[in-house]
Amino acid sequence: MVLSFEDTPLFDWLKKNRFFLFALVLLVIGIQGFQYFAPALKLKKQTESWMLFDAITADFTTDFDGNLSAGLAQAKDYPIIYPPIVFTATRVALIEDNANALTTLKPVLEDLVANAGHWRTLSEAGEMNSIAGELLARVKDYQATGGVQLENPEPTGTKVKISVTSSSGKTYDVIAGLYEDLAPAACAAFLAAVENEQLNGLELTAFASSLAFKDFNPDAEEGLPLERQFGLFHLAGSLSTSMMPGEPSKQVADSVVIYLQDSTNVDGGSSVFGSLTEGLEPLQAALAVPQADVTYSITSASVL
């Protein structure tokens, strides 16, 4: 006698456990689907978040006071971008000396100090400090003193003498001190160019607000890291790198800008690595009134 499949013990077991087996199949399908779709959904969510970050920060540039509260409320549901939005808004408020905005931002920063401790930065001493905590301290200092005074520290690193000559025959000698402890990569690249005499004879791009020179090292590396310290600002007399186009975390290895006027709108985008300690005022006076027929170049640069 031949038994059919319906008469076997296996069929009987399958019949009794059909609901369990159906649930198991659904679970397996669910796990496979999650593993397939979850990364794409996560990437989509991250992309949407950073697009919103760009939109909110763009609104800050058009009407900061009018868009601050709305921007914070809109970003709060996006934990990826909310802290950076708060940090950006605080920086703008400090630069613009905006007491009302800082009053709004202070409790927000206090909340981030308590609940977003993973947003940290490396201090000069090699310790990890809370970004929100550092900014909150700045806000408290501002409120205690009634204003904010931006001032770069006195450079304690190597000093470099640069002689700038105009096509009209005038020479301007400046001395720059470097922040080698705060921006070691940028300082090393700049000092190498000075010691290899790669700056001598280099033509400068001159504006009333800055002097820039670039392409002085044909063997320059692919790029430098962005080295930014909150206490270093793009103030008059500061030496800075330039952002590499399309690479916000990198700096051009052979490009230097000497700022003749305060330009704190670019803080955070490029590395301040030095400051003029002598000779700033004559350059400022010479370039205060642009002269299209006058050019400038570096006649010599040397380590003191």
C-alpha atoms as a PDB file:
ATOM      1  CA  MET A   1       0.000   0.000   0.000  1.00  0.00           C
ATOM      2  CA  VAL A   2       1.409   3.381  -1.042  1.00  0.00           C
ATOM      3  CA  LEU A   3       0.702   6.339   1.220  1.00  0.00           C
ATOM      4  CA  SER A   4      -0.090   9.720  -0.306  1.00  0.00           C
ATOM      5  CA  PHE A   5       1.697  12.821   0.987  1.00  0.00           C
ATOM      6  CA  GLU A   6      -1.463  13.861   2.827  1.00  0.00           C
ATOM      7  CA  ASP A   7      -1.251  10.642   4.861  1.00  0.00           C
ATOM      8  CA  THR A   8       2.366  11.149   5.988  1.00  0.00           C
ATOM      9  CA  PRO A   9       3.422  12.457   9.433  1.00  0.00           C
ATOM     10  CA  LEU A  10       5.202  15.364   7.728  1.00  0.00           C
ATOM     11  CA  PHE A  11       1.971  16.620   6.186  1.00  0.00           C
ATOM     12  CA  ASP A  12       0.275  16.309   9.543  1.00  0.00           C
ATOM     13  CA  TRP A  13       3.087  18.327  11.207  1.00  0.00           C
ATOM     14  CA  LEU A  14       2.955  20.997   8.506  1.00  0.00           C
ATOM     15  CA  LYS A  15      -0.799  21.253   8.906  1.00  0.00           C
ATOM     16  CA  LYS A  16      -0.556  21.683  12.658  1.00  0.00           C
ATOM     17  CA  ASN A  17       2.234  24.270  12.425  1.00  0.00           C
ATOM     18  CA  ARG A  18       1.073  26.165   9.357  1.00  0.00           C
ATOM     19  CA  PHE A  19       0.527  29.447  11.218  1.00  0.00           C
ATOM     20  CA  PHE A  20       3.992  29.278  12.767  1.00  0.00           C
ATOM     21  CA  LEU A  21       5.570  28.519   9.397  1.00  0.00           C
ATOM     22  CA  PHE A  22       3.651  31.368   7.739  1.00  0.00           C
ATOM     23  CA  ALA A  23       4.882  33.786  10.418  1.00  0.00           C
ATOM     24  CA  LEU A  24       8.428  32.485  10.002  1.00  0.00           C
ATOM     25  CA  VAL A  25       8.327  33.067   6.251  1.00  0.00           C
ATOM     26  CA  LEU A  26       7.028  36.609   6.784  1.00  0.00           C
ATOM     27  CA  LEU A  27       9.814  37.242   9.303  1.00  0.00           C
ATOM     28  CA  VAL A  28      12.495  36.060   6.883  1.00  0.00           C
ATOM     29  CA  ILE A  29      11.042  38.178   4.092  1.00  0.00           C
ATOM     30  CA  GLY A  30      10.850  41.152   6.447  1.00  0.00           C
ATOM     31  CA  ILE A  31      14.479  40.793   7.529  1.00  0.00           C
ATOM     32  CA  GLN A  32      15.676  40.508   3.941  1.00  0.00           C
ATOM     33  CA  GLY A  33      13.603  43.512   2.933  1.00  0.00           C
ATOM     34  CA  PHE A  34      14.914  45.596   5.817  1.00  0.00           C
ATOM     35  CA  GLN A  35      18.521  44.701   4.989  1.00  0.00           C
ATOM     36  CA  TYR A  36      17.915  45.686   1.372  1.00  0.00           C
ATOM     37  CA  PHE A  37      15.933  48.885   1.823  1.00  0.00           C
ATOM     38  CA  ALA A  38      17.213  50.280   5.170  1.00  0.00           C
ATOM     39  CA  PRO A  39      20.579  51.645   3.873  1.00  0.00           C
ATOM     40  CA  ALA A  40      18.849  53.389   0.970  1.00  0.00           C
ATOM     41  CA  LEU A  41      16.212  54.886   3.258  1.00  0.00           C
ATOM     42  CA  LYS A  42      18.905  56.033   5.701  1.00  0.00           C
ATOM     43  CA  LEU A  43      20.888  57.674   2.900  1.00  0.00           C
ATOM     44  CA  LYS A  44      17.747  59.362   1.606  1.00  0.00           C
ATOM     45  CA  LYS A  45      16.954  60.692   5.085  1.00  0.00           C
ATOM     46  CA  GLN A  46      20.492  62.019   5.513  1.00  0.00           C
ATOM     47  CA  THR A  47      20.403  63.707   2.100  1.00  0.00           C
ATOM     48  CA  GLU A  48      17.064  65.340   2.880  1.00  0.00           C
ATOM     49  CA  SER A  49      18.424  66.509   6.244  1.00  0.00           C
ATOM     50  CA  TRP A  50      21.483  68.211   4.761  1.00  0.00           C
ATOM     51  CA  MET A  51      19.385  69.776   2.010  1.00  0.00           C
ATOM     52  CA  LEU A  52      17.252  71.255   4.775  1.00  0.00           C
ATOM     53  CA  PHE A  53      20.435  72.438   6.532  1.00  0.00           C
ATOM     54  CA  ASP A  54      21.458  74.329   3.368  1.00  0.00           C
ATOM     55  CA  ALA A  55      17.990  75.865   3.065  1.00  0.00           C
ATOM     56  CA  ILE A  56      17.827  77.020   6.693  1.00  0.00           C
ATOM     57  CA  THR A  57      21.345  78.489   6.746  1.00  0.00           C
ATOM     58  CA  ALA A  58      20.616  80.249   3.436  1.00  0.00           C
ATOM     59  CA  ASP A  59      17.586  81.847   5.116  1.00  0.00           C
ATOM     60  CA  PHE A  60      19.907  83.063   7.890  1.00  0.00           C
ATOM     61  CA  THR A  61      21.878  85.067   5.316  1.00  0.00           C
ATOM     62  CA  THR A  62      18.762  86.847   4.011  1.00  0.00           C
ATOM     63  CA  ASP A  63      16.927  87.654   7.265  1.00  0.00           C
ATOM     64  CA  PHE A  64      18.664  86.211  10.311  1.00  0.00           C
ATOM     65  CA  ASP A  65      16.395  87.702  12.986  1.00  0.00           C
ATOM     66  CA  GLY A  66      13.217  86.892  11.087  1.00  0.00           C
ATOM     67  CA  ASN A  67      14.165  83.298  10.259  1.00  0.00           C
ATOM     68  CA  LEU A  68      16.046  82.219  13.409  1.00  0.00           C
ATOM     69  CA  SER A  69      13.158  80.859  15.506  1.00  0.00           C
ATOM     70  CA  ALA A  70      11.457  79.232  12.523  1.00  0.00           C
ATOM     71  CA  GLY A  71      14.710  77.643  11.406  1.00  0.00           C
ATOM     72  CA  LEU A  72      15.435  76.203  14.859  1.00  0.00           C
ATOM     73  CA  ALA A  73      11.897  74.818  15.129  1.00  0.00           C
ATOM     74  CA  GLN A  74      12.119  73.268  11.675  1.00  0.00           C
ATOM     75  CA  ALA A  75      15.498  71.646  12.352  1.00  0.00           C
ATOM     76  CA  LYS A  76      14.621  70.253  15.768  1.00  0.00           C
ATOM     77  CA  ASP A  77      13.001  67.146  14.276  1.00  0.00           C
ATOM     78  CA  TYR A  78      16.242  66.322  12.418  1.00  0.00           C
ATOM     79  CA  PRO A  79      18.879  65.219  14.962  1.00  0.00           C
ATOM     80  CA  ILE A  80      21.582  65.011  12.280  1.00  0.00           C
ATOM     81  CA  ILE A  81      21.479  68.734  11.478  1.00  0.00           C
ATOM     82  CA  TYR A  82      19.943  70.331  14.568  1.00  0.00           C
ATOM     83  CA  PRO A  83      23.206  70.842  16.513  1.00  0.00           C
ATOM     84  CA  PRO A  84      25.069  72.214  13.450  1.00  0.00           C
ATOM     85  CA  ILE A  85      22.168  74.608  12.797  1.00  0.00           C
ATOM     86  CA  VAL A  86      22.412  75.872  16.395  1.00  0.00           C
ATOM     87  CA  PHE A  87      26.204  76.206  16.152  1.00  0.00           C
ATOM     88  CA  THR A  88      25.966  78.109  12.860  1.00  0.00           C
ATOM     89  CA  ALA A  89      23.292  80.442  14.234  1.00  0.00           C
ATOM     90  CA  THR A  90      25.360  81.143  17.358  1.00  0.00           C
ATOM     91  CA  ARG A  91      28.424  81.947  15.288  1.00  0.00           C
ATOM     92  CA  VAL A  92      26.400  84.342  13.107  1.00  0.00           C
ATOM     93  CA  ALA A  93      24.867  86.013  16.167  1.00  0.00           C
ATOM     94  CA  LEU A  94      28.288  86.518  17.780  1.00  0.00           C
ATOM     95  CA  ILE A  95      29.805  87.929  14.595  1.00  0.00           C
ATOM     96  CA  GLU A  96      26.841  90.256  14.025  1.00  0.00           C
ATOM     97  CA  ASP A  97      26.806  91.329  17.692  1.00  0.00           C
ATOM     98  CA  ASN A  98      23.142  90.300  17.862  1.00  0.00           C
ATOM     99  CA  ALA A  99      22.116  90.318  21.535  1.00  0.00           C
ATOM    100  CA  ASN A 100      18.491  89.321  20.880  1.00  0.00           C
ATOM    101  CA  ALA A 101      19.490  86.261  18.869  1.00  0.00           C
ATOM    102  CA  LEU A 102      21.966  85.193  21.556  1.00  0.00           C
ATOM    103  CA  THR A 103      19.215  85.437  24.167  1.00  0.00           C
ATOM    104  CA  THR A 104      17.170  83.024  22.048  1.00  0.00           C
ATOM    105  CA  LEU A 105      20.102  80.678  21.498  1.00  0.00           C
ATOM    106  CA  LYS A 106      21.386  80.490  25.078  1.00  0.00           C
ATOM    107  CA  PRO A 107      18.751  78.023  26.422  1.00  0.00           C
ATOM    108  CA  VAL A 108      19.075  75.989  23.222  1.00  0.00           C
ATOM    109  CA  LEU A 109      22.816  75.656  23.801  1.00  0.00           C
ATOM    110  CA  GLU A 110      22.221  74.730  27.439  1.00  0.00           C
ATOM    111  CA  ASP A 111      19.934  71.935  26.285  1.00  0.00           C
ATOM    112  CA  LEU A 112      22.553  70.687  23.802  1.00  0.00           C
ATOM    113  CA  VAL A 113      25.242  70.708  26.487  1.00  0.00           C
ATOM    114  CA  ALA A 114      23.056  68.374  28.531  1.00  0.00           C
ATOM    115  CA  ASN A 115      21.757  66.170  25.720  1.00  0.00           C
ATOM    116  CA  ALA A 116      24.128  66.289  22.731  1.00  0.00           C
ATOM    117  CA  GLY A 117      27.514  65.670  24.293  1.00  0.00           C
ATOM    118  CA  HIS A 118      28.713  63.651  21.295  1.00  0.00           C
ATOM    119  CA  TRP A 119      29.236  66.883  19.342  1.00  0.00           C
ATOM    120  CA  ARG A 120      32.797  67.584  20.436  1.00  0.00           C
ATOM    121  CA  THR A 121      35.990  69.186  19.195  1.00  0.00           C
ATOM    122  CA  LEU A 122      39.672  68.682  20.003  1.00  0.00           C
ATOM    123  CA  SER A 123      41.133  71.397  22.244  1.00  0.00           C
ATOM    124  CA  GLU A 124      44.652  72.811  22.092  1.00  0.00           C
ATOM    125  CA  ALA A 125      45.613  70.585  25.008  1.00  0.00           C
ATOM    126  CA  GLY A 126      44.385  67.492  23.183  1.00  0.00           C
ATOM    127  CA  GLU A 127      41.191  67.211  25.227  1.00  0.00           C
ATOM    128  CA  MET A 128      37.729  66.665  23.776  1.00  0.00           C
ATOM    129  CA  ASN A 129      35.477  69.613  24.557  1.00  0.00           C
ATOM    130  CA  SER A 130      31.763  70.079  23.923  1.00  0.00           C
ATOM    131  CA  ILE A 131      31.157  72.414  20.981  1.00  0.00           C
ATOM    132  CA  ALA A 132      27.910  73.554  22.554  1.00  0.00           C
ATOM    133  CA  GLY A 133      29.742  74.159  25.835  1.00  0.00           C
ATOM    134  CA  GLU A 134      32.399  76.305  24.165  1.00  0.00           C
ATOM    135  CA  LEU A 135      29.796  78.381  22.348  1.00  0.00           C
ATOM    136  CA  LEU A 136      27.696  78.711  25.493  1.00  0.00           C
ATOM    137  CA  ALA A 137      30.740  80.113  27.294  1.00  0.00           C
ATOM    138  CA  ARG A 138      31.143  82.670  24.495  1.00  0.00           C
ATOM    139  CA  VAL A 139      27.499  83.683  24.807  1.00  0.00           C
ATOM    140  CA  LYS A 140      27.806  84.069  28.585  1.00  0.00           C
ATOM    141  CA  ASP A 141      30.946  86.192  28.148  1.00  0.00           C
ATOM    142  CA  TYR A 142      29.095  88.328  25.650  1.00  0.00           C
ATOM    143  CA  GLN A 143      26.152  88.861  27.991  1.00  0.00           C
ATOM    144  CA  ALA A 144      28.464  89.580  30.937  1.00  0.00           C
ATOM    145  CA  THR A 145      30.484  92.220  29.070  1.00  0.00           C
ATOM    146  CA  GLY A 146      27.726  93.643  26.890  1.00  0.00           C
ATOM    147  CA  GLY A 147      29.432  92.811  23.624  1.00  0.00           C
ATOM    148  CA  VAL A 148      31.877  90.603  21.798  1.00  0.00           C
ATOM    149  CA  GLN A 149      35.453  91.505  21.042  1.00  0.00           C
ATOM    150  CA  LEU A 150      37.075  89.405  18.341  1.00  0.00           C
ATOM    151  CA  GLU A 151      40.818  89.276  18.754  1.00  0.00           C
ATOM    152  CA  ASN A 152      43.388  86.744  17.617  1.00  0.00           C
ATOM    153  CA  PRO A 153      46.029  85.671  20.132  1.00  0.00           C
ATOM    154  CA  GLU A 154      49.613  86.832  19.769  1.00  0.00           C
ATOM    155  CA  PRO A 155      51.368  84.314  17.505  1.00  0.00           C
ATOM    156  CA  THR A 156      54.131  82.429  19.314  1.00  0.00           C
ATOM    157  CA  GLY A 157      55.519  80.403  16.403  1.00  0.00           C
ATOM    158  CA  THR A 158      58.091  81.062  13.714  1.00  0.00           C
ATOM    159  CA  LYS A 159      58.319  84.592  12.328  1.00  0.00           C
ATOM    160  CA  VAL A 160      58.609  85.287   8.607  1.00  0.00           C
ATOM    161  CA  LYS A 161      59.581  88.535   6.891  1.00  0.00           C
ATOM    162  CA  ILE A 162      57.876  89.239   3.554  1.00  0.00           C
ATOM    163  CA  SER A 163      58.820  92.131   1.292  1.00  0.00           C
ATOM    164  CA  VAL A 164      56.080  93.279  -1.068  1.00  0.00           C
ATOM    165  CA  THR A 165      56.987  95.634  -3.918  1.00  0.00           C
ATOM    166  CA  SER A 166      54.604  97.602  -6.110  1.00  0.00           C
ATOM    167  CA  SER A 167      55.129  98.286  -9.804  1.00  0.00           C
ATOM    168  CA  SER A 168      55.486 101.947  -8.840  1.00  0.00           C
ATOM    169  CA  GLY A 169      58.656 101.074  -6.933  1.00  0.00           C
ATOM    170  CA  LYS A 170      57.451 101.166  -3.317  1.00  0.00           C
ATOM    171  CA  THR A 171      58.394  98.342  -0.947  1.00  0.00           C
ATOM    172  CA  TYR A 172      56.382  97.218   2.057  1.00  0.00           C
ATOM    173  CA  ASP A 173      57.998  94.982   4.650  1.00  0.00           C
ATOM    174  CA  VAL A 174      55.719  92.906   6.847  1.00  0.00           C
ATOM    175  CA  ILE A 175      56.472  90.365   9.560  1.00  0.00           C
ATOM    176  CA  ALA A 176      54.122  87.446  10.149  1.00  0.00           C
ATOM    177  CA  GLY A 177      54.026  85.229  13.224  1.00  0.00           C
ATOM    178  CA  LEU A 178      52.658  81.712  12.807  1.00  0.00           C
ATOM    179  CA  TYR A 179      50.238  79.602  14.870  1.00  0.00           C
ATOM    180  CA  GLU A 180      52.182  76.373  14.451  1.00  0.00           C
ATOM    181  CA  ASP A 181      50.506  74.809  17.499  1.00  0.00           C
ATOM    182  CA  LEU A 182      46.993  75.467  16.142  1.00  0.00           C
ATOM    183  CA  ALA A 183      47.443  74.989  12.378  1.00  0.00           C
ATOM    184  CA  PRO A 184      50.532  72.791  11.952  1.00  0.00           C
ATOM    185  CA  ALA A 185      49.775  71.537   8.428  1.00  0.00           C
ATOM    186  CA  ALA A 186      49.187  75.003   6.930  1.00  0.00           C
ATOM    187  CA  CYS A 187      52.236  76.430   8.723  1.00  0.00           C
ATOM    188  CA  ALA A 188      54.459  73.581   7.522  1.00  0.00           C
ATOM    189  CA  ALA A 189      53.388  74.105   3.890  1.00  0.00           C
ATOM    190  CA  PHE A 190      53.920  77.872   4.135  1.00  0.00           C
ATOM    191  CA  LEU A 191      57.342  77.553   5.804  1.00  0.00           C
ATOM    192  CA  ALA A 192      58.481  74.998   3.219  1.00  0.00           C
ATOM    193  CA  ALA A 193      57.598  77.468   0.438  1.00  0.00           C
ATOM    194  CA  VAL A 194      59.504  80.257   2.229  1.00  0.00           C
ATOM    195  CA  GLU A 195      62.588  78.136   2.879  1.00  0.00           C
ATOM    196  CA  ASN A 196      62.605  76.856  -0.726  1.00  0.00           C
ATOM    197  CA  GLU A 197      62.330  80.460  -2.008  1.00  0.00           C
ATOM    198  CA  GLN A 198      59.160  79.596  -3.902  1.00  0.00           C
ATOM    199  CA  LEU A 199      57.473  82.877  -2.938  1.00  0.00           C
ATOM    200  CA  ASN A 200      60.207  85.126  -4.326  1.00  0.00           C
ATOM    201  CA  GLY A 201      59.013  86.971  -7.424  1.00  0.00           C
ATOM    202  CA  LEU A 202      55.432  85.746  -7.008  1.00  0.00           C
ATOM    203  CA  GLU A 203      52.756  88.132  -8.296  1.00  0.00           C
ATOM    204  CA  LEU A 204      49.985  89.048  -5.860  1.00  0.00           C
ATOM    205  CA  THR A 205      46.274  89.455  -6.488  1.00  0.00           C
ATOM    206  CA  ALA A 206      45.548  92.719  -4.695  1.00  0.00           C
ATOM    207  CA  PHE A 207      42.252  94.021  -3.347  1.00  0.00           C
ATOM    208  CA  ALA A 208      41.452  96.624  -0.717  1.00  0.00           C
ATOM    209  CA  SER A 209      40.491  93.773   1.606  1.00  0.00           C
ATOM    210  CA  SER A 210      43.232  91.241   0.872  1.00  0.00           C
ATOM    211  CA  LEU A 211      46.416  90.163  -0.850  1.00  0.00           C
ATOM    212  CA  ALA A 212      46.459  86.650  -2.274  1.00  0.00           C
ATOM    213  CA  PHE A 213      49.103  84.468  -3.886  1.00  0.00           C
ATOM    214  CA  LYS A 214      48.875  80.920  -5.158  1.00  0.00           C
ATOM    215  CA  ASP A 215      50.363  78.219  -7.398  1.00  0.00           C
ATOM    216  CA  PHE A 216      53.768  78.653  -5.808  1.00  0.00           C
ATOM    217  CA  ASN A 217      54.503  74.958  -5.348  1.00  0.00           C
ATOM    218  CA  PRO A 218      54.211  72.706  -8.422  1.00  0.00           C
ATOM    219  CA  ASP A 219      54.849  69.688  -6.185  1.00  0.00           C
ATOM    220  CA  ALA A 220      52.127  70.591  -3.695  1.00  0.00           C
ATOM    221  CA  GLU A 221      50.216  67.741  -2.133  1.00  0.00           C
ATOM    222  CA  GLU A 222      46.614  67.061  -3.067  1.00  0.00           C
ATOM    223  CA  GLY A 223      45.347  69.297  -0.288  1.00  0.00           C
ATOM    224  CA  LEU A 224      45.654  70.333   3.353  1.00  0.00           C
ATOM    225  CA  PRO A 225      43.211  69.509   6.139  1.00  0.00           C
ATOM    226  CA  LEU A 226      40.900  72.239   7.366  1.00  0.00           C
ATOM    227  CA  GLU A 227      42.355  73.425  10.676  1.00  0.00           C
ATOM    228  CA  ARG A 228      39.974  75.706  12.501  1.00  0.00           C
ATOM    229  CA  GLN A 229      40.016  76.928  16.061  1.00  0.00           C
ATOM    230  CA  PHE A 230      37.093  78.986  17.337  1.00  0.00           C
ATOM    231  CA  GLY A 231      39.506  81.557  18.791  1.00  0.00           C
ATOM    232  CA  LEU A 232      41.194  82.271  15.439  1.00  0.00           C
ATOM    233  CA  PHE A 233      39.293  84.734  13.264  1.00  0.00           C
ATOM    234  CA  HIS A 234      39.814  86.129   9.776  1.00  0.00           C
ATOM    235  CA  LEU A 235      40.684  89.577  11.097  1.00  0.00           C
ATOM    236  CA  ALA A 236      42.804  92.270   9.475  1.00  0.00           C
ATOM    237  CA  GLY A 237      46.387  91.011   9.363  1.00  0.00           C
ATOM    238  CA  SER A 238      45.553  87.314   9.471  1.00  0.00           C
ATOM    239  CA  LEU A 239      47.131  84.788   7.089  1.00  0.00           C
ATOM    240  CA  SER A 240      44.812  82.085   5.830  1.00  0.00           C
ATOM    241  CA  THR A 241      44.563  79.154   3.463  1.00  0.00           C
ATOM    242  CA  SER A 242      41.877  78.883   0.770  1.00  0.00           C
ATOM    243  CA  MET A 243      39.082  76.327   0.526  1.00  0.00           C
ATOM    244  CA  MET A 244      39.526  73.701  -2.172  1.00  0.00           C
ATOM    245  CA  PRO A 245      36.567  73.999  -4.598  1.00  0.00           C
ATOM    246  CA  GLY A 246      34.120  71.160  -4.058  1.00  0.00           C
ATOM    247  CA  GLU A 247      36.038  69.862  -1.029  1.00  0.00           C
ATOM    248  CA  PRO A 248      34.892  71.785   2.088  1.00  0.00           C
ATOM    249  CA  SER A 249      37.091  69.673   4.378  1.00  0.00           C
ATOM    250  CA  LYS A 250      40.260  70.411   2.387  1.00  0.00           C
ATOM    251  CA  GLN A 251      42.380  73.481   1.725  1.00  0.00           C
ATOM    252  CA  VAL A 252      44.502  74.322  -1.303  1.00  0.00           C
ATOM    253  CA  ALA A 253      48.096  73.461  -0.403  1.00  0.00           C
ATOM    254  CA  ASP A 254      49.725  76.368  -2.255  1.00  0.00           C
ATOM    255  CA  SER A 255      47.354  79.288  -1.778  1.00  0.00           C
ATOM    256  CA  VAL A 256      47.651  82.006   0.883  1.00  0.00           C
ATOM    257  CA  VAL A 257      45.501  85.063   1.627  1.00  0.00           C
ATOM    258  CA  ILE A 258      46.671  88.002   3.738  1.00  0.00           C
ATOM    259  CA  TYR A 259      43.559  89.802   4.973  1.00  0.00           C
ATOM    260  CA  LEU A 260      43.835  93.590   5.168  1.00  0.00           C
ATOM    261  CA  GLN A 261      40.322  94.026   6.561  1.00  0.00           C
ATOM    262  CA  ASP A 262      38.198  91.987   8.954  1.00  0.00           C
ATOM    263  CA  SER A 263      36.518  89.206   6.973  1.00  0.00           C
ATOM    264  CA  THR A 264      34.847  87.094   9.649  1.00  0.00           C
ATOM    265  CA  ASN A 265      32.191  85.981   7.167  1.00  0.00           C
ATOM    266  CA  VAL A 266      34.643  83.265   6.046  1.00  0.00           C
ATOM    267  CA  ASP A 267      35.411  82.005   9.572  1.00  0.00           C
ATOM    268  CA  GLY A 268      35.251  78.241   9.687  1.00  0.00           C
ATOM    269  CA  GLY A 269      35.771  77.796   5.954  1.00  0.00           C
ATOM    270  CA  SER A 270      39.541  78.164   5.837  1.00  0.00           C
ATOM    271  CA  SER A 271      42.495  77.867   8.215  1.00  0.00           C
ATOM    272  CA  VAL A 272      43.926  80.969   9.879  1.00  0.00           C
ATOM    273  CA  PHE A 273      47.561  80.021  10.445  1.00  0.00           C
ATOM    274  CA  GLY A 274      49.349  83.308  11.095  1.00  0.00           C
ATOM    275  CA  SER A 275      49.033  87.011  11.798  1.00  0.00           C
ATOM    276  CA  LEU A 276      50.987  90.108  10.809  1.00  0.00           C
ATOM    277  CA  THR A 277      52.768  91.591  13.785  1.00  0.00           C
ATOM    278  CA  GLU A 278      54.399  94.457  11.841  1.00  0.00           C
ATOM    279  CA  GLY A 279      53.723  96.369   8.635  1.00  0.00           C
ATOM    280  CA  LEU A 280      49.947  95.991   8.254  1.00  0.00           C
ATOM    281  CA  GLU A 281      48.987  99.672   8.266  1.00  0.00           C
ATOM    282  CA  PRO A 282      51.146 100.794   5.278  1.00  0.00           C
ATOM    283  CA  LEU A 283      49.680  98.002   3.135  1.00  0.00           C
ATOM    284  CA  GLN A 284      46.157  98.952   4.169  1.00  0.00           C
ATOM    285  CA  ALA A 285      46.809 102.575   3.216  1.00  0.00           C
ATOM    286  CA  ALA A 286      48.360 101.649  -0.123  1.00  0.00           C
ATOM    287  CA  LEU A 287      45.424  99.485  -1.177  1.00  0.00           C
ATOM    288  CA  ALA A 288      42.654 101.613   0.317  1.00  0.00           C
ATOM    289  CA  VAL A 289      42.199 103.285  -3.076  1.00  0.00           C
ATOM    290  CA  PRO A 290      42.446 100.674  -5.861  1.00  0.00           C
ATOM    291  CA  GLN A 291      44.779 101.551  -8.742  1.00  0.00           C
ATOM    292  CA  ALA A 292      44.293  99.331 -11.773  1.00  0.00           C
ATOM    293  CA  ASP A 293      47.716 100.121 -13.238  1.00  0.00           C
ATOM    294  CA  VAL A 294      49.645  99.230 -10.064  1.00  0.00           C
ATOM    295  CA  THR A 295      50.612  95.606  -9.446  1.00  0.00           C
ATOM    296  CA  TYR A 296      52.253  93.958  -6.463  1.00  0.00           C
ATOM    297  CA  SER A 297      54.675  91.062  -6.070  1.00  0.00           C
ATOM    298  CA  ILE A 298      56.762  89.388  -3.388  1.00  0.00           C
ATOM    299  CA  THR A 299      60.415  90.313  -3.800  1.00  0.00           C
ATOM    300  CA  SER A 300      61.621  88.158  -0.909  1.00  0.00           C
ATOM    301  CA  ALA A 301      60.424  86.007   1.959  1.00  0.00           C
ATOM    302  CA  SER A 302      62.658  84.648   4.692  1.00  0.00           C
ATOM    303  CA  VAL A 303      62.465  83.023   8.112  1.00  0.00           C
ATOM    304  CA  LEU A 304      63.695  85.269  10.908  1.00  0.00           C
END
